[in-house]
Amino acid sequence: FQPKDLYVPLILVAVVFLAVLIFPPLGALAGILAPVPLIFVYLQRGQTVGLILIALVFGVLLAL
């Protein structure tokens, strides 16, 4: 594990946060996409774990 692997997810979170500040209705979209940085981290650590997490996120979204 290297700290530089976390740059992309942190940048994505910052961009989404700034977009929500500028255009508040994007808050709903940000709420749906909140697990995306976590998924990127797990994809970097292992494809199987990442794919399982993606399936779980979509399953939860479909259940809503």
C-alpha atoms as a PDB file:
ATOM      1  CA  PHE A   1       0.000   0.000   0.000  1.00  0.00           C
ATOM      2  CA  GLN A   2       1.355   3.389  -1.030  1.00  0.00           C
ATOM      3  CA  PRO A   3      -0.130   6.789  -0.161  1.00  0.00           C
ATOM      4  CA  LYS A   4       0.062   7.936  -3.789  1.00  0.00           C
ATOM      5  CA  ASP A   5      -2.591   5.302  -4.637  1.00  0.00           C
ATOM      6  CA  LEU A   6      -5.121   7.407  -2.728  1.00  0.00           C
ATOM      7  CA  TYR A   7      -4.666  10.573  -4.813  1.00  0.00           C
ATOM      8  CA  VAL A   8      -7.269   9.748  -7.485  1.00  0.00           C
ATOM      9  CA  PRO A   9     -10.104   8.961  -5.028  1.00  0.00           C
ATOM     10  CA  LEU A  10      -9.310  12.043  -2.935  1.00  0.00           C
ATOM     11  CA  ILE A  11      -9.296  14.280  -6.014  1.00  0.00           C
ATOM     12  CA  LEU A  12     -12.639  12.810  -7.130  1.00  0.00           C
ATOM     13  CA  VAL A  13     -14.172  13.494  -3.722  1.00  0.00           C
ATOM     14  CA  ALA A  14     -12.878  17.087  -3.784  1.00  0.00           C
ATOM     15  CA  VAL A  15     -14.271  17.688  -7.291  1.00  0.00           C
ATOM     16  CA  VAL A  16     -17.697  16.306  -6.340  1.00  0.00           C
ATOM     17  CA  PHE A  17     -17.732  18.390  -3.144  1.00  0.00           C
ATOM     18  CA  LEU A  18     -16.933  21.586  -5.066  1.00  0.00           C
ATOM     19  CA  ALA A  19     -19.570  20.763  -7.691  1.00  0.00           C
ATOM     20  CA  VAL A  20     -22.182  20.323  -4.943  1.00  0.00           C
ATOM     21  CA  LEU A  21     -21.224  23.693  -3.469  1.00  0.00           C
ATOM     22  CA  ILE A  22     -21.705  25.371  -6.859  1.00  0.00           C
ATOM     23  CA  PHE A  23     -24.844  23.460  -7.924  1.00  0.00           C
ATOM     24  CA  PRO A  24     -26.733  22.059  -4.869  1.00  0.00           C
ATOM     25  CA  PRO A  25     -29.027  19.604  -6.748  1.00  0.00           C
ATOM     26  CA  LEU A  26     -25.899  17.611  -7.507  1.00  0.00           C
ATOM     27  CA  GLY A  27     -26.020  16.623  -3.818  1.00  0.00           C
ATOM     28  CA  ALA A  28     -28.362  13.760  -4.681  1.00  0.00           C
ATOM     29  CA  LEU A  29     -25.913  12.531  -7.294  1.00  0.00           C
ATOM     30  CA  ALA A  30     -23.042  12.887  -4.826  1.00  0.00           C
ATOM     31  CA  GLY A  31     -24.975  10.773  -2.338  1.00  0.00           C
ATOM     32  CA  ILE A  32     -25.377   8.010  -4.892  1.00  0.00           C
ATOM     33  CA  LEU A  33     -21.737   8.172  -5.978  1.00  0.00           C
ATOM     34  CA  ALA A  34     -20.302   8.395  -2.442  1.00  0.00           C
ATOM     35  CA  PRO A  35     -18.883   4.833  -2.467  1.00  0.00           C
ATOM     36  CA  VAL A  36     -16.971   5.371  -5.735  1.00  0.00           C
ATOM     37  CA  PRO A  37     -13.625   6.362  -4.127  1.00  0.00           C
ATOM     38  CA  LEU A  38     -13.853   3.308  -1.881  1.00  0.00           C
ATOM     39  CA  ILE A  39     -14.447   1.144  -4.940  1.00  0.00           C
ATOM     40  CA  PHE A  40     -11.376   2.614  -6.672  1.00  0.00           C
ATOM     41  CA  VAL A  41      -9.208   1.805  -3.660  1.00  0.00           C
ATOM     42  CA  TYR A  42     -10.445  -1.770  -3.549  1.00  0.00           C
ATOM     43  CA  LEU A  43      -9.993  -2.168  -7.310  1.00  0.00           C
ATOM     44  CA  GLN A  44      -6.365  -1.196  -6.841  1.00  0.00           C
ATOM     45  CA  ARG A  45      -6.000  -3.760  -4.048  1.00  0.00           C
ATOM     46  CA  GLY A  46      -7.797  -6.584  -5.819  1.00  0.00           C
ATOM     47  CA  GLN A  47     -10.149  -6.958  -8.747  1.00  0.00           C
ATOM     48  CA  THR A  48     -12.302  -9.645  -7.153  1.00  0.00           C
ATOM     49  CA  VAL A  49     -12.974  -7.586  -4.030  1.00  0.00           C
ATOM     50  CA  GLY A  50     -13.660  -4.499  -6.159  1.00  0.00           C
ATOM     51  CA  LEU A  51     -16.165  -6.296  -8.358  1.00  0.00           C
ATOM     52  CA  ILE A  52     -17.960  -7.690  -5.309  1.00  0.00           C
ATOM     53  CA  LEU A  53     -18.226  -4.186  -3.841  1.00  0.00           C
ATOM     54  CA  ILE A  54     -19.538  -2.773  -7.114  1.00  0.00           C
ATOM     55  CA  ALA A  55     -22.195  -5.504  -7.195  1.00  0.00           C
ATOM     56  CA  LEU A  56     -23.177  -4.732  -3.593  1.00  0.00           C
ATOM     57  CA  VAL A  57     -23.482  -1.000  -4.288  1.00  0.00           C
ATOM     58  CA  PHE A  58     -25.673  -1.588  -7.337  1.00  0.00           C
ATOM     59  CA  GLY A  59     -27.755  -4.092  -5.382  1.00  0.00           C
ATOM     60  CA  VAL A  60     -28.390  -1.539  -2.655  1.00  0.00           C
ATOM     61  CA  LEU A  61     -29.255   1.142  -5.216  1.00  0.00           C
ATOM     62  CA  LEU A  62     -31.715  -1.180  -6.946  1.00  0.00           C
ATOM     63  CA  ALA A  63     -33.301  -2.034  -3.590  1.00  0.00           C
ATOM     64  CA  LEU A  64     -34.008   1.638  -2.897  1.00  0.00           C
END
